[in-house]
Amino acid sequence: MTGLAAAASMTSTGEAVQFWILGSVAVIGALCTILMKRAVHSALSLAGTMIVLAVFYLANGAYFLGVVQIVVYTGAIMMLFLFVVMLVGVTAADSLKETLKGQRWLAAAAGLGFGILLIAGIGNASLKQFNGLGEANAGGNVQGLAALIFTKYVFAFEVTGALLITAAVGAMVLTHRERTERAKTQREQSEARIREGKQVPPLPAPGVYARHNAVDIPGLLPDGTVSELSVNPTLRERGQIRDVSGASLAELKALERRSEDWLGRGSEDEPGPSSSGGAPSTEHKEGAKK
């Protein structure tokens, strides 16, 4: 412990503050990665932890490893995972469905084994002698890192590569589904809808009778009510649907009034249209009737 106390006494105040602040952020991000209910939030927490690790690498003089940590792992791999999760739309309910029997027990056993190995490795670590950054990077940081990977830790490096390849192949196998039956034709699908009595005509388009054709604006039925089938269920669950039924009905009523006035179908006792409505004058109406 004498060497550890000596190393602690040599640490500057700035290094100690940086370590405790960023170390706390890294631990919180790691805990959020395994405790968050949504997969997107877990991926973002893991990305934050990786960025903190990159800062630690840069602070210790491992500039190449720090840049690789940000560019490759955080910027490429983690962002790819994040985009895939966002595109697939994984929710907290999906984690409750087991596609493989016993996978929770296997995951618990694997986690326990990894924890035992980690504790054993930390227990056997030697803290009596510190080489320092100057000696570690004597031949260059990239050269020193390559020498350690391909000589002392070559077996662990190869096992890690095999695990990554296995994980990639397993992800493709689990997500890929071979079509074992013949795809139904459009006629067969329409006949099945007629038999089931479920939405025989096509779904209404968004924005019909609503004076707008955006996907987040529901269409209006002829009686003025909102058509729930005209918008995506995902937008409805997220609460991203704009309610413009009242304003659209008012505009539609004004448009119908102007059309009736233009065609001369308005009642005699109703007042004439204002100049702001854009309707023609009485002379134009009489000329149209003639």
C-alpha atoms as a PDB file:
ATOM      1  CA  MET A   1       0.000   0.000   0.000  1.00  0.00           C
ATOM      2  CA  THR A   2       3.031   2.268   0.267  1.00  0.00           C
ATOM      3  CA  GLY A   3       3.276   2.607  -3.492  1.00  0.00           C
ATOM      4  CA  LEU A   4      -0.445   3.387  -3.724  1.00  0.00           C
ATOM      5  CA  ALA A   5      -0.167   6.095  -1.077  1.00  0.00           C
ATOM      6  CA  ALA A   6       2.846   7.561  -2.861  1.00  0.00           C
ATOM      7  CA  ALA A   7       0.993   7.604  -6.171  1.00  0.00           C
ATOM      8  CA  ALA A   8      -2.031   9.223  -4.539  1.00  0.00           C
ATOM      9  CA  SER A   9       0.173  11.914  -3.010  1.00  0.00           C
ATOM     10  CA  MET A  10       1.638  12.693  -6.457  1.00  0.00           C
ATOM     11  CA  THR A  11      -1.804  13.293  -7.991  1.00  0.00           C
ATOM     12  CA  SER A  12      -2.546  16.969  -8.538  1.00  0.00           C
ATOM     13  CA  THR A  13      -5.746  18.651  -7.433  1.00  0.00           C
ATOM     14  CA  GLY A  14      -6.991  19.078 -10.993  1.00  0.00           C
ATOM     15  CA  GLU A  15      -6.495  15.387 -11.755  1.00  0.00           C
ATOM     16  CA  ALA A  16      -8.312  14.370  -8.574  1.00  0.00           C
ATOM     17  CA  VAL A  17     -11.267  16.682  -9.310  1.00  0.00           C
ATOM     18  CA  GLN A  18     -11.436  15.439 -12.900  1.00  0.00           C
ATOM     19  CA  PHE A  19     -11.342  11.805 -11.791  1.00  0.00           C
ATOM     20  CA  TRP A  20     -14.069  12.064  -9.157  1.00  0.00           C
ATOM     21  CA  ILE A  21     -16.423  14.157 -11.294  1.00  0.00           C
ATOM     22  CA  LEU A  22     -16.040  12.181 -14.523  1.00  0.00           C
ATOM     23  CA  GLY A  23     -15.856   8.885 -12.624  1.00  0.00           C
ATOM     24  CA  SER A  24     -19.193   9.627 -10.979  1.00  0.00           C
ATOM     25  CA  VAL A  25     -20.702  10.502 -14.374  1.00  0.00           C
ATOM     26  CA  ALA A  26     -19.357   7.249 -15.862  1.00  0.00           C
ATOM     27  CA  VAL A  27     -20.775   5.133 -13.018  1.00  0.00           C
ATOM     28  CA  ILE A  28     -24.164   6.863 -13.242  1.00  0.00           C
ATOM     29  CA  GLY A  29     -24.221   6.317 -17.025  1.00  0.00           C
ATOM     30  CA  ALA A  30     -23.338   2.633 -16.566  1.00  0.00           C
ATOM     31  CA  LEU A  31     -26.114   2.167 -14.006  1.00  0.00           C
ATOM     32  CA  CYS A  32     -28.610   3.947 -16.264  1.00  0.00           C
ATOM     33  CA  THR A  33     -27.589   1.635 -19.109  1.00  0.00           C
ATOM     34  CA  ILE A  34     -28.842  -1.429 -17.228  1.00  0.00           C
ATOM     35  CA  LEU A  35     -31.671   0.208 -15.270  1.00  0.00           C
ATOM     36  CA  MET A  36     -33.435   2.291 -17.934  1.00  0.00           C
ATOM     37  CA  LYS A  37     -36.712   0.863 -19.216  1.00  0.00           C
ATOM     38  CA  ARG A  38     -36.350   2.163 -22.777  1.00  0.00           C
ATOM     39  CA  ALA A  39     -33.615   0.796 -25.009  1.00  0.00           C
ATOM     40  CA  VAL A  40     -32.984   4.226 -26.566  1.00  0.00           C
ATOM     41  CA  HIS A  41     -32.234   5.765 -23.168  1.00  0.00           C
ATOM     42  CA  SER A  42     -29.916   2.868 -22.309  1.00  0.00           C
ATOM     43  CA  ALA A  43     -27.993   3.360 -25.560  1.00  0.00           C
ATOM     44  CA  LEU A  44     -27.621   7.090 -24.902  1.00  0.00           C
ATOM     45  CA  SER A  45     -26.389   6.408 -21.352  1.00  0.00           C
ATOM     46  CA  LEU A  46     -23.805   3.933 -22.672  1.00  0.00           C
ATOM     47  CA  ALA A  47     -22.652   6.497 -25.242  1.00  0.00           C
ATOM     48  CA  GLY A  48     -22.133   9.033 -22.445  1.00  0.00           C
ATOM     49  CA  THR A  49     -20.086   6.516 -20.453  1.00  0.00           C
ATOM     50  CA  MET A  50     -17.914   5.821 -23.503  1.00  0.00           C
ATOM     51  CA  ILE A  51     -17.250   9.527 -23.967  1.00  0.00           C
ATOM     52  CA  VAL A  52     -16.117   9.805 -20.328  1.00  0.00           C
ATOM     53  CA  LEU A  53     -13.761   6.850 -20.864  1.00  0.00           C
ATOM     54  CA  ALA A  54     -12.329   8.635 -23.897  1.00  0.00           C
ATOM     55  CA  VAL A  55     -11.635  11.690 -21.741  1.00  0.00           C
ATOM     56  CA  PHE A  56      -9.821   9.454 -19.241  1.00  0.00           C
ATOM     57  CA  TYR A  57      -7.670   8.039 -22.047  1.00  0.00           C
ATOM     58  CA  LEU A  58      -6.780  11.524 -23.262  1.00  0.00           C
ATOM     59  CA  ALA A  59      -5.968  12.680 -19.726  1.00  0.00           C
ATOM     60  CA  ASN A  60      -3.567   9.734 -19.289  1.00  0.00           C
ATOM     61  CA  GLY A  61      -1.700  10.496 -22.505  1.00  0.00           C
ATOM     62  CA  ALA A  62      -3.280   7.744 -24.628  1.00  0.00           C
ATOM     63  CA  TYR A  63      -4.338  10.121 -27.371  1.00  0.00           C
ATOM     64  CA  PHE A  64      -4.742   7.496 -30.081  1.00  0.00           C
ATOM     65  CA  LEU A  65      -6.908   5.281 -27.866  1.00  0.00           C
ATOM     66  CA  GLY A  66      -9.011   8.276 -26.799  1.00  0.00           C
ATOM     67  CA  VAL A  67      -9.654   9.343 -30.383  1.00  0.00           C
ATOM     68  CA  VAL A  68     -10.488   5.750 -31.369  1.00  0.00           C
ATOM     69  CA  GLN A  69     -12.874   5.512 -28.423  1.00  0.00           C
ATOM     70  CA  ILE A  70     -14.799   8.590 -29.618  1.00  0.00           C
ATOM     71  CA  VAL A  71     -14.662   8.074 -33.387  1.00  0.00           C
ATOM     72  CA  VAL A  72     -15.038   4.294 -33.643  1.00  0.00           C
ATOM     73  CA  TYR A  73     -16.878   3.057 -30.575  1.00  0.00           C
ATOM     74  CA  THR A  74     -19.003   6.069 -29.639  1.00  0.00           C
ATOM     75  CA  GLY A  75     -19.406   7.763 -33.008  1.00  0.00           C
ATOM     76  CA  ALA A  76     -19.799   4.683 -35.209  1.00  0.00           C
ATOM     77  CA  ILE A  77     -20.778   1.552 -33.294  1.00  0.00           C
ATOM     78  CA  MET A  78     -22.956   3.079 -30.562  1.00  0.00           C
ATOM     79  CA  MET A  79     -24.675   5.489 -32.939  1.00  0.00           C
ATOM     80  CA  LEU A  80     -25.394   2.548 -35.251  1.00  0.00           C
ATOM     81  CA  PHE A  81     -26.952   0.675 -32.335  1.00  0.00           C
ATOM     82  CA  LEU A  82     -28.962   3.768 -31.425  1.00  0.00           C
ATOM     83  CA  PHE A  83     -30.277   4.272 -34.968  1.00  0.00           C
ATOM     84  CA  VAL A  84     -31.214   0.585 -35.245  1.00  0.00           C
ATOM     85  CA  VAL A  85     -33.104   0.715 -31.944  1.00  0.00           C
ATOM     86  CA  MET A  86     -34.920   3.881 -33.015  1.00  0.00           C
ATOM     87  CA  LEU A  87     -35.833   2.437 -36.419  1.00  0.00           C
ATOM     88  CA  VAL A  88     -36.965  -0.918 -35.078  1.00  0.00           C
ATOM     89  CA  GLY A  89     -38.938   0.758 -32.302  1.00  0.00           C
ATOM     90  CA  VAL A  90     -37.995  -1.453 -29.358  1.00  0.00           C
ATOM     91  CA  THR A  91     -40.139  -0.666 -26.309  1.00  0.00           C
ATOM     92  CA  ALA A  92     -40.090  -1.767 -22.686  1.00  0.00           C
ATOM     93  CA  ALA A  93     -42.844  -4.284 -23.420  1.00  0.00           C
ATOM     94  CA  ASP A  94     -40.582  -6.151 -25.863  1.00  0.00           C
ATOM     95  CA  SER A  95     -38.128  -7.019 -23.081  1.00  0.00           C
ATOM     96  CA  LEU A  96     -40.847  -9.024 -21.305  1.00  0.00           C
ATOM     97  CA  LYS A  97     -41.169 -11.470 -24.178  1.00  0.00           C
ATOM     98  CA  GLU A  98     -38.637 -14.298 -24.128  1.00  0.00           C
ATOM     99  CA  THR A  99     -37.817 -15.565 -27.600  1.00  0.00           C
ATOM    100  CA  LEU A 100     -35.488 -18.245 -26.164  1.00  0.00           C
ATOM    101  CA  LYS A 101     -36.420 -20.400 -23.200  1.00  0.00           C
ATOM    102  CA  GLY A 102     -34.185 -19.947 -20.199  1.00  0.00           C
ATOM    103  CA  GLN A 103     -32.341 -16.949 -21.582  1.00  0.00           C
ATOM    104  CA  ARG A 104     -32.835 -14.961 -18.359  1.00  0.00           C
ATOM    105  CA  TRP A 105     -31.175 -17.708 -16.283  1.00  0.00           C
ATOM    106  CA  LEU A 106     -28.338 -17.992 -18.774  1.00  0.00           C
ATOM    107  CA  ALA A 107     -27.850 -14.223 -18.732  1.00  0.00           C
ATOM    108  CA  ALA A 108     -27.801 -14.224 -14.921  1.00  0.00           C
ATOM    109  CA  ALA A 109     -25.227 -17.041 -14.852  1.00  0.00           C
ATOM    110  CA  ALA A 110     -23.065 -15.279 -17.444  1.00  0.00           C
ATOM    111  CA  GLY A 111     -23.245 -12.016 -15.497  1.00  0.00           C
ATOM    112  CA  LEU A 112     -22.309 -13.786 -12.269  1.00  0.00           C
ATOM    113  CA  GLY A 113     -19.352 -15.478 -13.943  1.00  0.00           C
ATOM    114  CA  PHE A 114     -18.168 -12.202 -15.438  1.00  0.00           C
ATOM    115  CA  GLY A 115     -18.432 -10.523 -12.036  1.00  0.00           C
ATOM    116  CA  ILE A 116     -16.331 -13.268 -10.423  1.00  0.00           C
ATOM    117  CA  LEU A 117     -13.667 -12.928 -13.114  1.00  0.00           C
ATOM    118  CA  LEU A 118     -13.642  -9.155 -12.726  1.00  0.00           C
ATOM    119  CA  ILE A 119     -13.272  -9.341  -8.949  1.00  0.00           C
ATOM    120  CA  ALA A 120     -10.517 -11.958  -9.294  1.00  0.00           C
ATOM    121  CA  GLY A 121      -8.667  -9.785 -11.789  1.00  0.00           C
ATOM    122  CA  ILE A 122      -8.880  -6.726  -9.564  1.00  0.00           C
ATOM    123  CA  GLY A 123      -7.774  -8.788  -6.544  1.00  0.00           C
ATOM    124  CA  ASN A 124      -4.674 -10.026  -8.353  1.00  0.00           C
ATOM    125  CA  ALA A 125      -3.734  -6.592  -9.658  1.00  0.00           C
ATOM    126  CA  SER A 126      -0.431  -5.256  -8.381  1.00  0.00           C
ATOM    127  CA  LEU A 127      -0.450  -1.727  -7.003  1.00  0.00           C
ATOM    128  CA  LYS A 128       3.094  -1.711  -5.641  1.00  0.00           C
ATOM    129  CA  GLN A 129       4.866  -0.432  -8.723  1.00  0.00           C
ATOM    130  CA  PHE A 130       3.839   2.238 -11.246  1.00  0.00           C
ATOM    131  CA  ASN A 131       5.677   2.569 -14.539  1.00  0.00           C
ATOM    132  CA  GLY A 132       4.277   5.997 -15.421  1.00  0.00           C
ATOM    133  CA  LEU A 133       3.191   7.462 -18.746  1.00  0.00           C
ATOM    134  CA  GLY A 134       6.715   8.224 -19.890  1.00  0.00           C
ATOM    135  CA  GLU A 135       7.834   4.603 -19.745  1.00  0.00           C
ATOM    136  CA  ALA A 136       4.509   3.247 -21.098  1.00  0.00           C
ATOM    137  CA  ASN A 137       4.656   5.545 -24.132  1.00  0.00           C
ATOM    138  CA  ALA A 138       8.407   5.425 -24.628  1.00  0.00           C
ATOM    139  CA  GLY A 139       8.162   3.909 -28.101  1.00  0.00           C
ATOM    140  CA  GLY A 140       4.937   5.729 -28.972  1.00  0.00           C
ATOM    141  CA  ASN A 141       1.392   5.188 -27.826  1.00  0.00           C
ATOM    142  CA  VAL A 142       0.284   3.390 -30.994  1.00  0.00           C
ATOM    143  CA  GLN A 143       3.332   1.115 -31.020  1.00  0.00           C
ATOM    144  CA  GLY A 144       2.957   0.290 -27.343  1.00  0.00           C
ATOM    145  CA  LEU A 145      -0.731  -0.474 -27.728  1.00  0.00           C
ATOM    146  CA  ALA A 146      -0.061  -2.717 -30.746  1.00  0.00           C
ATOM    147  CA  ALA A 147       2.704  -4.548 -28.886  1.00  0.00           C
ATOM    148  CA  LEU A 148       0.399  -5.317 -25.948  1.00  0.00           C
ATOM    149  CA  ILE A 149      -2.518  -6.414 -28.139  1.00  0.00           C
ATOM    150  CA  PHE A 150      -0.526  -8.728 -30.422  1.00  0.00           C
ATOM    151  CA  THR A 151       1.887 -10.171 -27.844  1.00  0.00           C
ATOM    152  CA  LYS A 152       0.755 -10.231 -24.219  1.00  0.00           C
ATOM    153  CA  TYR A 153      -3.013 -10.016 -24.772  1.00  0.00           C
ATOM    154  CA  VAL A 154      -3.262 -11.660 -28.194  1.00  0.00           C
ATOM    155  CA  PHE A 155      -5.447 -14.537 -26.902  1.00  0.00           C
ATOM    156  CA  ALA A 156      -7.887 -12.177 -25.188  1.00  0.00           C
ATOM    157  CA  PHE A 157      -7.951 -10.007 -28.324  1.00  0.00           C
ATOM    158  CA  GLU A 158      -8.798 -12.983 -30.550  1.00  0.00           C
ATOM    159  CA  VAL A 159     -11.497 -14.201 -28.139  1.00  0.00           C
ATOM    160  CA  THR A 160     -13.026 -10.717 -28.072  1.00  0.00           C
ATOM    161  CA  GLY A 161     -13.086 -10.605 -31.882  1.00  0.00           C
ATOM    162  CA  ALA A 162     -14.737 -14.035 -32.005  1.00  0.00           C
ATOM    163  CA  LEU A 163     -17.373 -12.905 -29.495  1.00  0.00           C
ATOM    164  CA  LEU A 164     -18.137  -9.785 -31.531  1.00  0.00           C
ATOM    165  CA  ILE A 165     -18.470 -11.800 -34.733  1.00  0.00           C
ATOM    166  CA  THR A 166     -20.699 -14.333 -32.969  1.00  0.00           C
ATOM    167  CA  ALA A 167     -22.878 -11.540 -31.608  1.00  0.00           C
ATOM    168  CA  ALA A 168     -23.243  -9.993 -35.075  1.00  0.00           C
ATOM    169  CA  VAL A 169     -24.144 -13.336 -36.675  1.00  0.00           C
ATOM    170  CA  GLY A 170     -26.566 -14.133 -33.845  1.00  0.00           C
ATOM    171  CA  ALA A 171     -28.295 -10.762 -34.238  1.00  0.00           C
ATOM    172  CA  MET A 172     -28.766 -11.369 -37.961  1.00  0.00           C
ATOM    173  CA  VAL A 173     -30.074 -14.900 -37.350  1.00  0.00           C
ATOM    174  CA  LEU A 174     -32.550 -13.775 -34.686  1.00  0.00           C
ATOM    175  CA  THR A 175     -33.857 -10.819 -36.695  1.00  0.00           C
ATOM    176  CA  HIS A 176     -34.022 -12.592 -40.064  1.00  0.00           C
ATOM    177  CA  ARG A 177     -37.220 -14.463 -40.774  1.00  0.00           C
ATOM    178  CA  GLU A 178     -37.497 -16.800 -43.739  1.00  0.00           C
ATOM    179  CA  ARG A 179     -40.868 -16.812 -45.478  1.00  0.00           C
ATOM    180  CA  THR A 180     -42.145 -20.374 -45.220  1.00  0.00           C
ATOM    181  CA  GLU A 181     -45.528 -19.794 -46.809  1.00  0.00           C
ATOM    182  CA  ARG A 182     -46.612 -18.285 -50.104  1.00  0.00           C
ATOM    183  CA  ALA A 183     -47.277 -14.562 -50.013  1.00  0.00           C
ATOM    184  CA  LYS A 184     -50.961 -13.659 -50.397  1.00  0.00           C
ATOM    185  CA  THR A 185     -51.987 -11.786 -53.501  1.00  0.00           C
ATOM    186  CA  GLN A 186     -53.918  -8.527 -53.386  1.00  0.00           C
ATOM    187  CA  ARG A 187     -57.112 -10.331 -54.395  1.00  0.00           C
ATOM    188  CA  GLU A 188     -56.718 -12.869 -51.590  1.00  0.00           C
ATOM    189  CA  GLN A 189     -56.081 -10.102 -49.073  1.00  0.00           C
ATOM    190  CA  SER A 190     -59.191  -8.204 -50.211  1.00  0.00           C
ATOM    191  CA  GLU A 191     -61.296 -11.377 -50.016  1.00  0.00           C
ATOM    192  CA  ALA A 192     -60.021 -12.030 -46.488  1.00  0.00           C
ATOM    193  CA  ARG A 193     -60.935  -8.466 -45.450  1.00  0.00           C
ATOM    194  CA  ILE A 194     -64.446  -8.908 -46.844  1.00  0.00           C
ATOM    195  CA  ARG A 195     -64.914 -12.184 -44.986  1.00  0.00           C
ATOM    196  CA  GLU A 196     -63.703 -10.668 -41.718  1.00  0.00           C
ATOM    197  CA  GLY A 197     -65.591  -7.426 -42.249  1.00  0.00           C
ATOM    198  CA  LYS A 198     -62.601  -5.288 -41.268  1.00  0.00           C
ATOM    199  CA  GLN A 199     -62.140  -2.053 -43.224  1.00  0.00           C
ATOM    200  CA  VAL A 200     -63.150  -3.295 -46.668  1.00  0.00           C
ATOM    201  CA  PRO A 201     -62.264  -0.048 -48.520  1.00  0.00           C
ATOM    202  CA  PRO A 202     -58.769   1.437 -48.322  1.00  0.00           C
ATOM    203  CA  LEU A 203     -57.803   3.463 -45.271  1.00  0.00           C
ATOM    204  CA  PRO A 204     -58.567   7.178 -45.507  1.00  0.00           C
ATOM    205  CA  ALA A 205     -55.649   9.460 -46.199  1.00  0.00           C
ATOM    206  CA  PRO A 206     -54.547  11.923 -43.509  1.00  0.00           C
ATOM    207  CA  GLY A 207     -55.822  15.449 -43.832  1.00  0.00           C
ATOM    208  CA  VAL A 208     -58.905  14.657 -45.971  1.00  0.00           C
ATOM    209  CA  TYR A 209     -61.507  17.427 -45.418  1.00  0.00           C
ATOM    210  CA  ALA A 210     -59.060  18.973 -42.944  1.00  0.00           C
ATOM    211  CA  ARG A 211     -57.540  21.571 -45.315  1.00  0.00           C
ATOM    212  CA  HIS A 212     -54.115  19.978 -44.840  1.00  0.00           C
ATOM    213  CA  ASN A 213     -52.465  16.724 -45.939  1.00  0.00           C
ATOM    214  CA  ALA A 214     -49.769  16.331 -43.264  1.00  0.00           C
ATOM    215  CA  VAL A 215     -49.366  12.888 -41.745  1.00  0.00           C
ATOM    216  CA  ASP A 216     -49.886  14.194 -38.198  1.00  0.00           C
ATOM    217  CA  ILE A 217     -53.266  15.792 -38.999  1.00  0.00           C
ATOM    218  CA  PRO A 218     -56.217  13.385 -38.880  1.00  0.00           C
ATOM    219  CA  GLY A 219     -58.773  13.384 -41.649  1.00  0.00           C
ATOM    220  CA  LEU A 220     -62.349  14.495 -41.072  1.00  0.00           C
ATOM    221  CA  LEU A 221     -65.374  12.437 -41.955  1.00  0.00           C
ATOM    222  CA  PRO A 222     -68.289  14.041 -43.841  1.00  0.00           C
ATOM    223  CA  ASP A 223     -70.065  14.707 -40.525  1.00  0.00           C
ATOM    224  CA  GLY A 224     -67.047  16.584 -39.176  1.00  0.00           C
ATOM    225  CA  THR A 225     -65.773  13.944 -36.753  1.00  0.00           C
ATOM    226  CA  VAL A 226     -62.132  12.870 -36.691  1.00  0.00           C
ATOM    227  CA  SER A 227     -61.204   9.642 -38.499  1.00  0.00           C
ATOM    228  CA  GLU A 228     -58.862   7.637 -36.263  1.00  0.00           C
ATOM    229  CA  LEU A 229     -57.897   5.369 -39.179  1.00  0.00           C
ATOM    230  CA  SER A 230     -56.333   8.231 -41.136  1.00  0.00           C
ATOM    231  CA  VAL A 231     -53.290   8.646 -38.871  1.00  0.00           C
ATOM    232  CA  ASN A 232     -50.461   6.315 -37.926  1.00  0.00           C
ATOM    233  CA  PRO A 233     -51.033   4.483 -34.606  1.00  0.00           C
ATOM    234  CA  THR A 234     -47.433   5.268 -33.622  1.00  0.00           C
ATOM    235  CA  LEU A 235     -48.097   9.018 -33.844  1.00  0.00           C
ATOM    236  CA  ARG A 236     -51.255   8.541 -31.806  1.00  0.00           C
ATOM    237  CA  GLU A 237     -49.361   6.702 -29.041  1.00  0.00           C
ATOM    238  CA  ARG A 238     -46.692   9.415 -28.952  1.00  0.00           C
ATOM    239  CA  GLY A 239     -49.270  12.191 -28.741  1.00  0.00           C
ATOM    240  CA  GLN A 240     -47.952  13.878 -31.897  1.00  0.00           C
ATOM    241  CA  ILE A 241     -51.311  14.349 -33.630  1.00  0.00           C
ATOM    242  CA  ARG A 242     -52.461  17.909 -34.181  1.00  0.00           C
ATOM    243  CA  ASP A 243     -56.147  18.528 -33.549  1.00  0.00           C
ATOM    244  CA  VAL A 244     -57.381  20.957 -36.182  1.00  0.00           C
ATOM    245  CA  SER A 245     -60.939  19.713 -36.423  1.00  0.00           C
ATOM    246  CA  GLY A 246     -62.525  22.888 -35.024  1.00  0.00           C
ATOM    247  CA  ALA A 247     -60.499  25.257 -37.151  1.00  0.00           C
ATOM    248  CA  SER A 248     -60.937  23.074 -40.228  1.00  0.00           C
ATOM    249  CA  LEU A 249     -64.688  22.909 -39.761  1.00  0.00           C
ATOM    250  CA  ALA A 250     -64.867  26.682 -39.432  1.00  0.00           C
ATOM    251  CA  GLU A 251     -62.802  27.170 -42.604  1.00  0.00           C
ATOM    252  CA  LEU A 252     -64.841  24.542 -44.421  1.00  0.00           C
ATOM    253  CA  LYS A 253     -68.090  26.206 -43.379  1.00  0.00           C
ATOM    254  CA  ALA A 254     -66.796  29.575 -44.562  1.00  0.00           C
ATOM    255  CA  LEU A 255     -65.734  28.017 -47.863  1.00  0.00           C
ATOM    256  CA  GLU A 256     -69.163  26.461 -48.352  1.00  0.00           C
ATOM    257  CA  ARG A 257     -70.810  29.798 -47.560  1.00  0.00           C
ATOM    258  CA  ARG A 258     -68.643  31.559 -50.141  1.00  0.00           C
ATOM    259  CA  SER A 259     -69.415  28.850 -52.704  1.00  0.00           C
ATOM    260  CA  GLU A 260     -73.157  29.198 -52.113  1.00  0.00           C
ATOM    261  CA  ASP A 261     -72.926  32.953 -52.432  1.00  0.00           C
ATOM    262  CA  TRP A 262     -70.912  32.589 -55.642  1.00  0.00           C
ATOM    263  CA  LEU A 263     -73.467  30.219 -57.164  1.00  0.00           C
ATOM    264  CA  GLY A 264     -76.387  32.294 -55.893  1.00  0.00           C
ATOM    265  CA  ARG A 265     -77.811  29.517 -53.731  1.00  0.00           C
ATOM    266  CA  GLY A 266     -77.907  31.488 -50.495  1.00  0.00           C
ATOM    267  CA  SER A 267     -81.232  32.292 -48.838  1.00  0.00           C
ATOM    268  CA  GLU A 268     -82.821  35.650 -49.527  1.00  0.00           C
ATOM    269  CA  ASP A 269     -82.995  36.696 -45.876  1.00  0.00           C
ATOM    270  CA  GLU A 270     -79.269  36.071 -45.207  1.00  0.00           C
ATOM    271  CA  PRO A 271     -77.001  39.078 -45.425  1.00  0.00           C
ATOM    272  CA  GLY A 272     -74.742  39.375 -48.421  1.00  0.00           C
ATOM    273  CA  PRO A 273     -71.102  38.375 -48.199  1.00  0.00           C
ATOM    274  CA  SER A 274     -68.525  40.873 -47.083  1.00  0.00           C
ATOM    275  CA  SER A 275     -65.808  42.149 -49.313  1.00  0.00           C
ATOM    276  CA  SER A 276     -63.182  40.263 -47.291  1.00  0.00           C
ATOM    277  CA  GLY A 277     -64.765  36.922 -48.161  1.00  0.00           C
ATOM    278  CA  GLY A 278     -63.811  37.283 -51.782  1.00  0.00           C
ATOM    279  CA  ALA A 279     -67.399  36.700 -53.066  1.00  0.00           C
ATOM    280  CA  PRO A 280     -68.593  38.490 -56.212  1.00  0.00           C
ATOM    281  CA  SER A 281     -70.948  41.427 -56.152  1.00  0.00           C
ATOM    282  CA  THR A 282     -74.698  41.388 -56.963  1.00  0.00           C
ATOM    283  CA  GLU A 283     -74.059  42.473 -60.535  1.00  0.00           C
ATOM    284  CA  HIS A 284     -71.762  39.525 -61.085  1.00  0.00           C
ATOM    285  CA  LYS A 285     -74.386  37.159 -59.644  1.00  0.00           C
ATOM    286  CA  GLU A 286     -77.104  38.494 -61.933  1.00  0.00           C
ATOM    287  CA  GLY A 287     -74.781  38.232 -64.907  1.00  0.00           C
ATOM    288  CA  ALA A 288     -73.995  34.638 -63.971  1.00  0.00           C
ATOM    289  CA  LYS A 289     -77.714  33.806 -63.739  1.00  0.00           C
ATOM    290  CA  LYS A 290     -78.329  35.280 -67.193  1.00  0.00           C
END
